């Protein structure tokens, strides 16, 4: 079963902090502005207890209090307005951070090497773009500002409390340190629970992606209830880990109130005794208590910042794992060049993974420019892999693949693929309109070129029949088209690109006899001016090839024309006699079985 991208048990905190800073750095001016506004709002809040002390003193001295009340009201309004503006700046910046992270991650994931994609779960990769990047919203802006403003406000409040009464300050700090130490022990638990929760969310995406990718199969198999149970199990795991994370966050948050309440009781008792002894005044005690309650906000910000950092660290770790996956070289659009190309395989060896057996064992053949070459052989012989190596979806383990006399590794990747038109076995069609699918590989194609390729691929009658013509939406993965129509769309898309090399992997397997005959003629016409390589199991397709490469057991066992191979190669002769039905459905003759065993022993 496929796995999520190589889970890293523990990414060093240093790398996580560096990655977080990398997300913040382009927006540091906006973050600084938000922090400044937050500090101004905090300063206005700090002035309020002092104004309250002045108010109490004036009441005791029977002086007018209107000016102090007006000043206190102005402070409250000003502080609220400034904090609201600072909050907007930070929220807007946070959205910008998430957008930049998603753009970067999407651009990287779409350039992943094919072998990386094949060993990962698409749903998990999608959750890293959608869910994990969302957690950056708070940790890269709000938590940074909360840590700075909360820390400064905390220190400033303690300084002012120290001026009021150092003894009561000592009592307050003692309580906060005691409870703060307990809170610090909760932070790693929050990080671990958040990471497991995000992984479970990735599992949900993976299971749903699998289900919607085989929707008809699920319905035909009556498996709706079973698949629902699988999704429900993943959702339950996400819920459990989310609840666990919420539990630790709640404990951390409630500890703030506990610290303040215990401090309040201690200060009230000790402070009352000091007022009674004349060591301090009532107004000073009231101001100190106001400062104590004001201390809730900066302490809350510090705890919130620590909590958000733990949650964000879990998300950043998953994003870093995705960014560590191997990608292809960057490259934009490239001109396809002119003229057909030759293809040479020189002692090519290849395996998909180290723990799997070789797919190619010294494969060698030459295909000149122009003409049609067919690849035949039993399933698993390595025919489709030939196309994957030409496109550089994979790198060879040994030997060389030459296109137009150049090793494919020496070609700029964009230039190499611009020269190739590729029709895959399953003829994928993307969600969107028919026009978008046809012009997917040639976005600059003209209307005249488009009409011409519709006729060649026998799609013109389909377009006329559709209610919105080329603008008709074809559905998810072309669900509104038949299998044969999807194959014709894929062929038309490849032809519209005007490739120098056309790769057709069983491109007519789902076509009816009439359409197959017509498209065979089109392919034959294209082969007169382009190099065409075909993987086929139909004898009618193979016999029209200029040359045929017979593959078996990861090797090339024979090359020639149909007539030559029928006479000279036992495997080809039997395949031709059985109309190229898959070898699993026939009884092999002893000669072929013996030859295969000898090749395996080589």
Protein backbone atom coordinates (compact mmCIF):
# COMPACT_ATOMS: atom_id res chain seq x y z
CA UNK A 1 0.00 0.00 0.00
CA UNK A 2 1.20 3.51 -0.74
CA UNK A 3 2.47 5.57 2.15
CA UNK A 4 2.56 9.19 3.07
CA UNK A 5 5.71 11.09 2.20
CA UNK A 6 8.55 9.69 4.25
CA UNK A 7 7.50 10.62 7.76
CA UNK A 8 10.27 12.25 9.71
CA UNK A 9 9.92 11.30 13.39
CA UNK A 10 11.36 14.57 14.62
CA UNK A 11 12.50 17.53 12.57
CA UNK A 12 14.99 19.63 14.58
CA UNK A 13 13.44 22.72 16.18
CA UNK A 14 16.16 24.80 14.55
CA UNK A 15 14.95 23.84 11.08
CA UNK A 16 11.34 24.49 12.06
CA UNK A 17 12.20 27.97 13.36
CA UNK A 18 14.19 28.70 10.22
CA UNK A 19 11.26 27.60 8.04
CA UNK A 20 8.84 29.74 10.07
CA UNK A 21 11.10 32.73 9.68
CA UNK A 22 11.31 32.03 5.95
CA UNK A 23 7.52 32.35 5.74
CA UNK A 24 7.50 35.57 7.81
CA UNK A 25 10.49 37.32 6.22
CA UNK A 26 8.77 38.66 3.07
CA UNK A 27 6.07 40.19 5.31
CA UNK A 28 8.24 41.47 8.14
CA UNK A 29 7.32 45.13 7.53
CA UNK A 30 3.61 44.38 7.91
CA UNK A 31 4.27 42.21 10.96
CA UNK A 32 6.34 45.02 12.50
CA UNK A 33 3.51 47.49 11.89
CA UNK A 34 1.01 45.14 13.49
CA UNK A 35 3.34 44.67 16.46
CA UNK A 36 3.78 48.44 16.85
CA UNK A 37 0.03 49.01 16.85
CA UNK A 38 -0.40 46.20 19.36
CA UNK A 39 2.24 47.77 21.61
CA UNK A 40 0.53 51.17 21.43
CA UNK A 41 -2.75 49.51 22.40
CA UNK A 42 -1.01 47.69 25.25
CA UNK A 43 0.57 50.94 26.48
CA UNK A 44 -2.83 52.62 26.60
CA UNK A 45 -4.08 49.68 28.63
CA UNK A 46 -1.19 50.01 31.07
CA UNK A 47 -2.08 53.66 31.65
CA UNK A 48 -5.61 52.79 32.73
CA UNK A 49 -4.75 51.46 36.24
CA UNK A 50 -2.69 54.61 36.86
CA UNK A 51 -5.67 56.73 35.83
CA UNK A 52 -7.86 54.67 38.16
CA UNK A 53 -5.41 55.32 41.03
CA UNK A 54 -5.55 59.05 40.32
CA UNK A 55 -9.36 58.83 40.29
CA UNK A 56 -9.44 57.13 43.72
CA UNK A 57 -6.97 59.68 45.14
CA UNK A 58 -9.14 62.59 43.88
CA UNK A 59 -12.23 61.01 45.41
CA UNK A 60 -10.41 60.79 48.74
CA UNK A 61 -9.33 64.42 48.53
CA UNK A 62 -12.80 65.60 47.35
CA UNK A 63 -11.38 66.90 44.04
CA UNK A 64 -13.24 66.95 40.65
CA UNK A 65 -12.99 63.65 38.81
CA UNK A 66 -14.46 64.65 35.41
CA UNK A 67 -11.06 65.30 33.76
CA UNK A 68 -9.73 61.92 34.94
CA UNK A 69 -12.91 60.12 33.75
CA UNK A 70 -12.61 61.77 30.33
CA UNK A 71 -8.95 60.80 30.12
CA UNK A 72 -9.78 57.21 31.15
CA UNK A 73 -12.57 57.01 28.55
CA UNK A 74 -10.28 58.40 25.85
CA UNK A 75 -7.62 55.84 26.76
CA UNK A 76 -10.13 52.99 26.48
CA UNK A 77 -11.47 54.17 23.08
CA UNK A 78 -7.99 54.92 21.70
CA UNK A 79 -6.56 51.59 22.87
CA UNK A 80 -9.48 49.62 21.41
CA UNK A 81 -9.24 51.39 18.02
CA UNK A 82 -5.48 50.89 17.76
CA UNK A 83 -5.70 47.22 18.72
CA UNK A 84 -8.48 46.66 16.17
CA UNK A 85 -6.34 48.22 13.43
CA UNK A 86 -3.34 46.14 14.50
CA UNK A 87 -5.46 42.99 14.48
CA UNK A 88 -6.63 43.70 10.91
CA UNK A 89 -3.07 44.28 9.71
CA UNK A 90 -1.95 40.99 11.23
CA UNK A 91 -4.92 39.00 9.90
CA UNK A 92 -4.38 40.36 6.40
CA UNK A 93 -0.69 39.54 6.62
CA UNK A 94 -1.50 36.04 7.88
CA UNK A 95 -3.67 35.38 4.82
CA UNK A 96 -0.79 36.59 2.62
CA UNK A 97 1.57 34.16 4.36
CA UNK A 98 -0.83 31.26 3.73
CA UNK A 99 -1.25 32.27 0.08
CA UNK A 100 2.52 32.44 -0.48
CA UNK A 101 3.02 29.07 1.24
CA UNK A 102 0.33 27.42 -0.87
CA UNK A 103 1.71 28.88 -4.10
CA UNK A 104 5.20 27.66 -3.26
CA UNK A 105 4.06 24.20 -2.20
CA UNK A 106 1.73 23.73 -5.19
CA UNK A 107 4.50 24.78 -7.59
CA UNK A 108 6.84 22.28 -5.97
CA UNK A 109 4.42 19.36 -5.75
CA UNK A 110 3.48 19.69 -9.43
CA UNK A 111 7.18 19.30 -10.25
CA UNK A 112 7.63 16.13 -8.17
CA UNK A 113 9.36 13.25 -9.84
CA UNK A 114 6.93 10.55 -10.85
CA UNK A 115 8.48 7.94 -8.56
CA UNK A 116 7.87 10.27 -5.58
CA UNK A 117 4.21 10.68 -6.53
CA UNK A 118 3.78 6.93 -6.97
CA UNK A 119 4.98 6.15 -3.45
CA UNK A 120 2.82 8.81 -1.76
CA UNK A 121 -0.88 9.26 -1.18
CA UNK A 122 -2.35 12.14 -3.25
CA UNK A 123 -4.90 12.89 -0.53
CA UNK A 124 -2.14 13.37 2.03
CA UNK A 125 -0.28 15.74 -0.29
CA UNK A 126 -3.47 17.73 -0.82
CA UNK A 127 -4.03 18.04 2.93
CA UNK A 128 -0.57 19.56 3.30
CA UNK A 129 -1.55 22.27 0.84
CA UNK A 130 -4.97 22.93 2.32
CA UNK A 131 -4.99 22.00 6.00
CA UNK A 132 -1.36 22.34 7.11
CA UNK A 133 -0.79 25.69 5.45
CA UNK A 134 -3.87 27.02 7.23
CA UNK A 135 -2.10 26.53 10.57
CA UNK A 136 0.60 28.93 9.37
CA UNK A 137 -1.97 31.73 9.59
CA UNK A 138 -1.64 32.08 13.34
CA UNK A 139 1.90 30.91 14.02
CA UNK A 140 3.71 33.16 11.54
CA UNK A 141 2.02 36.44 12.50
CA UNK A 142 -0.28 36.40 15.50
CA UNK A 143 1.95 34.19 17.64
CA UNK A 144 5.06 36.24 16.79
CA UNK A 145 3.34 39.51 17.64
CA UNK A 146 1.67 37.98 20.70
CA UNK A 147 5.04 36.79 21.97
CA UNK A 148 6.63 40.23 21.45
CA UNK A 149 3.78 42.40 22.70
CA UNK A 150 2.81 39.96 25.44
CA UNK A 151 6.40 39.73 26.64
CA UNK A 152 6.93 43.50 26.66
CA UNK A 153 3.54 44.15 28.28
CA UNK A 154 4.26 41.47 30.86
CA UNK A 155 7.62 43.03 31.79
CA UNK A 156 6.21 46.58 31.81
CA UNK A 157 3.32 45.52 34.04
CA UNK A 158 5.68 43.81 36.47
CA UNK A 159 7.87 46.93 36.60
CA UNK A 160 4.89 49.16 37.40
CA UNK A 161 3.65 46.66 39.97
CA UNK A 162 7.12 46.71 41.52
CA UNK A 163 6.93 50.48 41.90
CA UNK A 164 3.54 50.06 43.59
CA UNK A 165 4.57 47.37 46.06
CA UNK A 166 7.63 45.09 45.73
CA UNK A 167 6.33 42.67 48.36
CA UNK A 168 3.05 42.06 46.53
CA UNK A 169 5.00 41.75 43.29
CA UNK A 170 7.07 38.95 44.82
CA UNK A 171 3.89 37.11 45.83
CA UNK A 172 2.44 37.48 42.32
CA UNK A 173 5.61 36.35 40.52
CA UNK A 174 5.94 33.32 42.78
CA UNK A 175 2.44 32.11 41.90
CA UNK A 176 2.91 32.77 38.15
CA UNK A 177 6.26 30.95 38.00
CA UNK A 178 4.82 27.92 39.78
CA UNK A 179 1.83 27.59 37.44
CA UNK A 180 3.85 28.65 34.36
CA UNK A 181 6.22 25.73 34.91
CA UNK A 182 3.29 23.33 34.80
CA UNK A 183 2.04 24.94 31.58
CA UNK A 184 5.45 24.51 29.93
CA UNK A 185 5.15 20.76 30.41
CA UNK A 186 1.96 20.74 28.32
CA UNK A 187 3.50 22.31 25.19
CA UNK A 188 5.19 19.16 23.74
CA UNK A 189 1.91 17.28 24.24
CA UNK A 190 0.04 19.93 22.24
CA UNK A 191 2.59 19.65 19.40
CA UNK A 192 2.40 15.84 19.29
CA UNK A 193 -1.41 15.77 19.38
CA UNK A 194 -1.65 18.43 16.65
CA UNK A 195 0.72 16.54 14.38
CA UNK A 196 -1.24 13.32 14.76
CA UNK A 197 -4.46 15.22 14.13
CA UNK A 198 -3.07 16.70 10.90
CA UNK A 199 -1.87 13.27 9.78
CA UNK A 200 -5.36 11.90 10.40
CA UNK A 201 -6.85 14.73 8.33
CA UNK A 202 -4.47 13.67 5.55
CA UNK A 203 -5.80 10.12 5.88
CA UNK A 204 -9.35 11.39 5.37
CA UNK A 205 -8.29 13.17 2.17
CA UNK A 206 -6.50 10.04 0.99
CA UNK A 207 -9.48 7.76 1.59
CA UNK A 208 -11.90 10.17 -0.09
CA UNK A 209 -9.59 10.62 -3.08
CA UNK A 210 -9.47 6.83 -3.46
CA UNK A 211 -13.24 6.54 -3.19
CA UNK A 212 -14.08 9.25 -5.71
CA UNK A 213 -11.40 7.92 -8.07
CA UNK A 214 -13.22 4.55 -8.25
CA UNK A 215 -16.78 5.71 -7.66
CA UNK A 216 -18.44 3.37 -10.16
CA UNK A 217 -16.46 0.41 -8.88
CA UNK A 218 -17.61 1.14 -5.32
CA UNK A 219 -21.23 1.32 -6.41
CA UNK A 220 -21.01 -1.76 -8.63
CA UNK A 221 -19.42 -3.70 -5.76
CA UNK A 222 -22.02 -2.56 -3.24
CA UNK A 223 -19.15 -1.24 -1.13
CA UNK A 224 -20.63 2.09 -0.07
CA UNK A 225 -21.08 1.00 3.55
CA UNK A 226 -17.55 -0.44 3.75
CA UNK A 227 -15.96 2.69 2.27
CA UNK A 228 -18.05 4.87 4.56
CA UNK A 229 -16.69 2.88 7.49
CA UNK A 230 -13.11 3.44 6.28
CA UNK A 231 -13.67 7.20 5.99
CA UNK A 232 -15.45 7.22 9.35
CA UNK A 233 -12.51 5.46 10.99
CA UNK A 234 -10.11 8.10 9.66
CA UNK A 235 -12.47 10.85 10.81
CA UNK A 236 -12.65 9.24 14.25
CA UNK A 237 -8.85 9.23 14.49
CA UNK A 238 -8.75 12.91 13.54
CA UNK A 239 -11.43 13.62 16.15
CA UNK A 240 -9.57 11.74 18.90
CA UNK A 241 -6.30 13.54 18.27
CA UNK A 242 -8.10 16.88 17.87
CA UNK A 243 -9.86 16.37 21.21
CA UNK A 244 -6.57 15.45 22.86
CA UNK A 245 -4.96 18.61 21.49
CA UNK A 246 -7.97 20.65 22.64
CA UNK A 247 -7.67 19.11 26.11
CA UNK A 248 -4.06 20.21 26.53
CA UNK A 249 -4.84 23.66 25.09
CA UNK A 250 -7.76 24.04 27.50
CA UNK A 251 -5.55 23.11 30.45
CA UNK A 252 -2.95 25.63 29.33
CA UNK A 253 -5.59 28.35 28.85
CA UNK A 254 -7.38 27.72 32.15
CA UNK A 255 -4.07 27.83 34.01
CA UNK A 256 -3.92 31.56 33.27
CA UNK A 257 -7.15 32.21 35.11
CA UNK A 258 -5.99 29.95 37.94
CA UNK A 259 -2.73 31.88 38.28
CA UNK A 260 -4.56 35.22 38.40
CA UNK A 261 -7.18 33.98 40.87
CA UNK A 262 -4.59 32.52 43.24
CA UNK A 263 -2.49 35.68 42.89
CA UNK A 264 -5.57 37.81 43.56
CA UNK A 265 -6.39 35.95 46.75
CA UNK A 266 -2.80 36.09 47.94
CA UNK A 267 -2.46 39.80 47.10
CA UNK A 268 -5.84 40.61 48.63
CA UNK A 269 -4.92 38.89 51.89
CA UNK A 270 -1.35 40.14 52.16
CA UNK A 271 -2.23 43.54 50.67
CA UNK A 272 -5.11 44.03 53.11
CA UNK A 273 -2.75 43.32 55.99
CA UNK A 274 -0.25 45.85 54.59
CA UNK A 275 -2.98 48.50 54.23
CA UNK A 276 -4.02 47.85 57.83
CA UNK A 277 -0.42 48.24 59.00
CA UNK A 278 -0.01 51.44 56.99
CA UNK A 279 2.69 49.95 54.75
CA UNK A 280 0.66 50.90 51.64
CA UNK A 281 -2.45 52.88 50.70
CA UNK A 282 -5.86 51.73 49.58
CA UNK A 283 -5.41 53.45 46.20
CA UNK A 284 -2.10 51.65 45.67
CA UNK A 285 -3.71 48.31 46.51
CA UNK A 286 -6.57 48.99 44.08
CA UNK A 287 -4.12 49.99 41.34
CA UNK A 288 -2.04 46.88 42.07
CA UNK A 289 -5.11 44.66 41.79
CA UNK A 290 -6.04 46.35 38.49
CA UNK A 291 -2.53 45.69 37.22
CA UNK A 292 -2.91 42.10 38.35
CA UNK A 293 -6.09 41.68 36.31
CA UNK A 294 -4.46 43.51 33.40
CA UNK A 295 -1.67 40.91 33.63
CA UNK A 296 -4.17 38.33 32.35
CA UNK A 297 -3.89 39.67 28.79
CA UNK A 298 -0.09 39.57 28.32
CA UNK A 299 0.15 36.19 30.07
CA UNK A 300 -2.67 34.89 27.86
CA UNK A 301 -0.81 36.16 24.81
CA UNK A 302 2.37 34.40 25.87
CA UNK A 303 0.56 31.11 26.47
CA UNK A 304 -1.36 31.51 23.21
CA UNK A 305 1.87 32.23 21.33
CA UNK A 306 3.50 29.12 22.82
CA UNK A 307 0.45 27.00 21.97
CA UNK A 308 0.26 28.33 18.41
CA UNK A 309 3.96 27.73 17.95
CA UNK A 310 3.55 24.09 18.94
CA UNK A 311 0.60 23.67 16.57
CA UNK A 312 2.39 25.53 13.79
CA UNK A 313 5.55 23.50 14.31
CA UNK A 314 3.60 20.31 13.63
CA UNK A 315 2.22 21.79 10.41
CA UNK A 316 5.60 23.18 9.33
CA UNK A 317 7.19 19.77 9.91
CA UNK A 318 4.69 18.19 7.51
CA UNK A 319 5.23 20.96 4.98
CA UNK A 320 9.01 20.49 5.24
CA UNK A 321 8.57 16.77 4.59
CA UNK A 322 6.63 17.55 1.40
CA UNK A 323 9.25 20.11 0.34
CA UNK A 324 11.98 17.50 0.85
CA UNK A 325 10.51 15.26 -1.86
CA UNK A 326 12.62 15.06 -5.01
CA UNK A 327 11.51 17.37 -7.83
CA UNK A 328 12.35 17.74 -11.50
CA UNK A 329 14.30 20.66 -12.84
CA UNK A 330 12.27 23.83 -13.25
CA UNK A 331 11.39 24.79 -16.78
CA UNK A 332 8.71 26.70 -18.61
CA UNK A 333 7.24 26.25 -22.05
CA UNK A 334 9.64 25.42 -24.87
CA UNK A 335 9.39 25.32 -28.63
CA UNK A 336 9.05 21.74 -29.93
CA UNK A 337 11.66 22.11 -32.71
CA UNK A 338 11.30 20.70 -36.21
CA UNK A 339 11.69 17.36 -37.93
CA UNK A 340 11.33 13.79 -36.66
CA UNK A 341 13.79 12.44 -34.11
CA UNK A 342 15.59 9.14 -33.76
CA UNK A 343 15.43 7.05 -30.57
CA UNK A 344 18.19 4.74 -29.32
CA UNK A 345 18.24 2.56 -26.22
CA UNK A 346 21.77 1.39 -25.43
CA UNK A 347 22.03 -1.38 -22.78
CA UNK A 348 19.38 0.28 -20.61
CA UNK A 349 18.65 -1.19 -17.22
CA UNK A 350 15.94 0.06 -14.87
CA UNK A 351 13.92 -0.90 -11.80
CA UNK A 352 11.13 1.13 -10.18
CA UNK A 353 12.46 0.65 -6.64
CA UNK A 354 15.51 -0.95 -5.11
CA UNK A 355 13.37 -3.63 -3.49
CA UNK A 356 11.70 -4.58 -6.81
CA UNK A 357 13.13 -6.77 -9.61
CA UNK A 358 14.52 -5.09 -12.74
CA UNK A 359 12.02 -4.09 -15.42
CA UNK A 360 14.70 -3.56 -18.09
CA UNK A 361 17.76 -5.79 -18.30
CA UNK A 362 20.11 -4.34 -20.91
CA UNK A 363 17.45 -3.16 -23.39
CA UNK A 364 18.91 -2.06 -26.73
CA UNK A 365 17.23 -1.00 -29.99
CA UNK A 366 17.40 1.77 -32.58
CA UNK A 367 14.51 3.69 -34.14
CA UNK A 368 15.36 6.01 -37.05
CA UNK A 369 13.59 9.30 -37.66
CA UNK A 370 10.17 8.96 -39.33
CA UNK A 371 8.15 5.80 -39.57
CA UNK A 372 6.24 3.68 -37.12
CA UNK A 373 7.77 1.25 -34.64
CA UNK A 374 5.57 -1.12 -32.64
CA UNK A 375 6.48 -2.69 -29.29
CA UNK A 376 4.89 -6.04 -28.54
CA UNK A 377 5.27 -8.69 -25.89
CA UNK A 378 3.59 -10.13 -22.83
CA UNK A 379 2.29 -7.91 -20.04
CA UNK A 380 5.12 -6.85 -17.76
CA UNK A 381 7.74 -7.09 -20.51
CA UNK A 382 8.70 -3.41 -20.04
CA UNK A 383 7.00 -1.84 -23.05
CA UNK A 384 5.30 1.08 -21.31
CA UNK A 385 8.49 1.67 -19.30
CA UNK A 386 10.23 2.47 -22.59
CA UNK A 387 7.95 5.50 -22.96
CA UNK A 388 8.45 6.55 -19.33
CA UNK A 389 12.24 6.57 -19.80
CA UNK A 390 12.00 8.54 -23.06
CA UNK A 391 9.86 11.18 -21.31
CA UNK A 392 12.31 11.11 -18.37
CA UNK A 393 9.54 10.31 -15.95
CA UNK A 394 12.21 8.00 -14.52
CA UNK A 395 16.00 7.90 -14.66
CA UNK A 396 17.77 4.83 -16.02
CA UNK A 397 19.77 2.65 -13.69
CA UNK A 398 22.34 2.03 -16.40
CA UNK A 399 22.92 2.56 -20.09
CA UNK A 400 21.72 5.45 -22.23
CA UNK A 401 18.49 6.67 -23.80
CA UNK A 402 19.25 8.87 -26.81
CA UNK A 403 16.70 11.12 -28.52
CA UNK A 404 17.89 12.80 -31.71
CA UNK A 405 21.41 11.65 -30.87
CA UNK A 406 21.46 13.31 -27.42
CA UNK A 407 21.20 11.59 -24.07
CA UNK A 408 17.82 12.53 -22.61
CA UNK A 409 19.66 13.67 -19.46
CA UNK A 410 21.40 16.33 -21.56
CA UNK A 411 18.14 17.74 -22.91
CA UNK A 412 16.48 20.61 -21.02
CA UNK A 413 13.42 18.83 -19.67
CA UNK A 414 10.92 21.35 -21.06
CA UNK A 415 12.51 21.14 -24.52
CA UNK A 416 12.51 17.34 -24.48
CA UNK A 417 8.85 17.05 -23.56
CA UNK A 418 7.85 19.81 -25.97
CA UNK A 419 9.10 17.55 -28.76
CA UNK A 420 6.96 14.59 -27.62
CA UNK A 421 3.26 13.82 -27.88
CA UNK A 422 2.21 11.11 -25.43
CA UNK A 423 -1.07 9.19 -25.30
CA UNK A 424 -1.22 7.11 -22.12
CA UNK A 425 -2.88 3.74 -21.63
CA UNK A 426 -5.82 5.11 -19.66
CA UNK A 427 -6.13 8.24 -21.86
CA UNK A 428 -6.72 10.66 -18.96
CA UNK A 429 -9.17 13.51 -19.50
CA UNK A 430 -9.16 16.41 -17.07
CA UNK A 431 -12.16 18.05 -15.48
CA UNK A 432 -13.13 21.06 -17.59
CA UNK A 433 -14.41 21.73 -21.08
CA UNK A 434 -13.66 19.71 -24.18
CA UNK A 435 -11.76 22.68 -25.61
CA UNK A 436 -9.56 22.94 -22.51
CA UNK A 437 -8.70 19.25 -22.79
CA UNK A 438 -7.86 19.41 -26.48
CA UNK A 439 -5.63 22.48 -26.12
CA UNK A 440 -4.06 21.34 -22.84
CA UNK A 441 -0.68 20.56 -24.45
CA UNK A 442 -0.99 23.30 -27.12
CA UNK A 443 -2.68 26.33 -25.50
CA UNK A 444 -1.77 28.58 -28.45
CA UNK A 445 -3.42 26.40 -31.10
CA UNK A 446 -5.58 28.27 -33.60
CA UNK A 447 -9.23 27.53 -34.36
CA UNK A 448 -8.23 26.21 -37.78
CA UNK A 449 -5.71 23.79 -36.26
CA UNK A 450 -8.30 22.71 -33.73
CA UNK A 451 -10.92 22.02 -36.40
CA UNK A 452 -8.39 20.05 -38.43
CA UNK A 453 -7.43 17.78 -35.55
CA UNK A 454 -11.09 17.19 -34.67
CA UNK A 455 -11.66 15.80 -38.15
CA UNK A 456 -8.51 13.65 -38.05
CA UNK A 457 -9.43 12.17 -34.66
CA UNK A 458 -13.07 11.70 -35.78
CA UNK A 459 -14.32 13.98 -33.02
CA UNK A 460 -16.11 16.45 -35.29
CA UNK A 461 -19.41 14.54 -35.16
CA UNK A 462 -19.14 14.33 -31.36
CA UNK A 463 -18.64 18.08 -31.09
CA UNK A 464 -21.66 18.72 -33.34
CA UNK A 465 -23.76 16.42 -31.17
CA UNK A 466 -22.80 18.05 -27.85
CA UNK A 467 -25.17 20.82 -26.67
CA UNK A 468 -22.38 23.35 -26.11
CA UNK A 469 -19.88 22.03 -28.61
CA UNK A 470 -16.27 22.51 -27.55
CA UNK A 471 -17.40 24.39 -24.44
CA UNK A 472 -19.18 21.30 -23.07
CA UNK A 473 -17.94 20.29 -19.62
CA UNK A 474 -16.70 16.69 -19.78
CA UNK A 475 -17.01 15.93 -16.04
CA UNK A 476 -14.56 14.63 -13.48
CA UNK A 477 -11.89 12.63 -15.35
CA UNK A 478 -14.05 12.80 -18.49
CA UNK A 479 -16.93 10.91 -16.87
CA UNK A 480 -19.39 12.26 -19.46
CA UNK A 481 -17.41 10.71 -22.31
CA UNK A 482 -17.18 7.07 -23.34
CA UNK A 483 -13.88 5.20 -23.14
CA UNK A 484 -13.41 5.45 -26.91
CA UNK A 485 -14.21 9.17 -26.89
CA UNK A 486 -11.66 9.75 -24.15
CA UNK A 487 -9.03 7.94 -26.23
CA UNK A 488 -9.84 10.05 -29.27
CA UNK A 489 -9.59 13.23 -27.17
CA UNK A 490 -6.18 12.10 -25.93
CA UNK A 491 -5.01 11.33 -29.48
CA UNK A 492 -6.29 14.68 -30.75
CA UNK A 493 -4.53 16.47 -27.87
CA UNK A 494 -1.24 14.81 -28.82
CA UNK A 495 -1.65 15.53 -32.55
CA UNK A 496 -2.51 19.18 -31.91
CA UNK A 497 0.92 19.60 -30.36
CA UNK A 498 2.61 18.69 -33.67
CA UNK A 499 5.21 16.52 -31.93
CA UNK A 500 8.49 15.37 -33.38
CA UNK A 501 8.01 12.06 -31.58
CA UNK A 502 4.58 10.51 -30.96
CA UNK A 503 4.18 7.86 -28.24
CA UNK A 504 0.97 5.82 -28.36
CA UNK A 505 0.44 3.37 -25.50
CA UNK A 506 -2.44 1.10 -26.56
CA UNK A 507 -4.12 4.28 -27.76
CA UNK A 508 -6.88 2.53 -29.73
CA UNK A 509 -7.71 -0.30 -27.33
CA UNK A 510 -11.22 1.04 -26.56
CA UNK A 511 -12.18 2.10 -30.08
CA UNK A 512 -14.74 0.34 -32.24
CA UNK A 513 -13.56 -1.20 -35.50
CA UNK A 514 -14.65 1.74 -37.69
CA UNK A 515 -12.95 4.41 -35.59
CA UNK A 516 -9.87 2.24 -35.09
CA UNK A 517 -9.47 1.80 -38.84
CA UNK A 518 -9.83 5.54 -39.42
CA UNK A 519 -7.33 6.44 -36.70
CA UNK A 520 -4.90 3.78 -37.95
CA UNK A 521 -4.88 5.64 -41.23
CA UNK A 522 -4.25 8.92 -39.37
CA UNK A 523 -1.34 7.38 -37.47
CA UNK A 524 0.11 5.99 -40.70
CA UNK A 525 -0.15 9.45 -42.25
CA UNK A 526 1.53 11.06 -39.21
CA UNK A 527 4.31 8.44 -39.33
CA UNK A 528 5.34 9.66 -42.78
CA UNK A 529 6.54 12.93 -41.23
CA UNK A 530 7.02 12.05 -37.54
CA UNK A 531 8.61 9.30 -35.51
CA UNK A 532 5.82 7.17 -34.05
CA UNK A 533 6.28 4.55 -31.32
CA UNK A 534 3.31 2.32 -30.52
CA UNK A 535 2.63 -0.20 -27.77
CA UNK A 536 -0.12 -2.45 -29.05
CA UNK A 537 -1.72 -5.83 -28.52
CA UNK A 538 -3.86 -5.74 -31.68
CA UNK A 539 -2.41 -7.49 -34.69
CA UNK A 540 -4.09 -5.00 -37.03
CA UNK A 541 -2.08 -2.17 -35.50
CA UNK A 542 1.21 -4.05 -35.34
CA UNK A 543 1.29 -5.30 -38.94
CA UNK A 544 1.25 -1.77 -40.34
CA UNK A 545 4.48 -0.87 -38.45
CA UNK A 546 7.75 -0.34 -40.33
CA UNK A 547 9.55 -2.28 -37.61
CA UNK A 548 8.49 -4.33 -34.59
CA UNK A 549 10.42 -4.67 -31.33
CA UNK A 550 9.55 -7.86 -29.43
CA UNK A 551 10.14 -7.61 -25.67
CA UNK A 552 10.00 -10.31 -23.02
CA UNK A 553 11.33 -10.50 -19.48
CA UNK A 554 12.79 -7.00 -19.60
CA UNK A 555 14.85 -7.66 -22.73
CA UNK A 556 14.56 -7.15 -26.49
CA UNK A 557 14.41 -10.61 -27.99
CA UNK A 558 13.85 -9.68 -31.65
CA UNK A 559 13.46 -6.75 -34.06
CA UNK A 560 12.05 -6.94 -37.58
CA UNK A 561 8.98 -6.70 -39.76
CA UNK A 562 5.84 -8.75 -39.22
CA UNK A 563 6.76 -11.24 -41.93
CA UNK A 564 10.34 -11.64 -40.66
CA UNK A 565 9.30 -12.15 -37.05
CA UNK A 566 6.53 -14.65 -37.79
CA UNK A 567 9.15 -16.83 -39.41
CA UNK A 568 12.05 -16.19 -37.02
CA UNK A 569 10.68 -15.63 -33.49
CA UNK A 570 8.62 -18.24 -31.67
CA UNK A 571 7.06 -15.82 -29.17
CA UNK A 572 6.01 -13.36 -31.85
CA UNK A 573 4.67 -16.17 -33.99
CA UNK A 574 2.44 -17.37 -31.17
CA UNK A 575 1.34 -13.84 -30.29
CA UNK A 576 0.42 -13.25 -33.92
CA UNK A 577 -1.41 -16.57 -34.10
CA UNK A 578 -3.51 -15.63 -31.05
CA UNK A 579 -4.22 -12.11 -32.37
CA UNK A 580 -2.02 -10.63 -29.60
CA UNK A 581 -4.37 -11.63 -26.78
CA UNK A 582 -2.66 -11.27 -23.43
CA UNK A 583 -0.31 -14.21 -22.80
CA UNK A 584 -1.98 -15.06 -19.50
CA UNK A 585 -5.04 -16.26 -21.47
CA UNK A 586 -3.14 -18.78 -23.58
CA UNK A 587 -1.11 -21.91 -23.10
CA UNK A 588 2.56 -21.32 -23.87
CA UNK A 589 4.43 -23.77 -25.99
CA UNK A 590 7.48 -25.43 -24.41
CA UNK A 591 9.93 -23.69 -26.73
CA UNK A 592 8.90 -20.22 -25.54
CA UNK A 593 8.86 -21.29 -21.90
CA UNK A 594 12.38 -22.70 -22.26
CA UNK A 595 13.65 -19.55 -24.00
CA UNK A 596 12.23 -17.36 -21.22
CA UNK A 597 13.85 -19.41 -18.50
CA UNK A 598 17.19 -19.08 -20.29
CA UNK A 599 16.77 -15.28 -20.56
CA UNK A 600 15.91 -15.06 -16.85
CA UNK A 601 19.08 -16.94 -16.02
CA UNK A 602 21.24 -14.45 -17.95
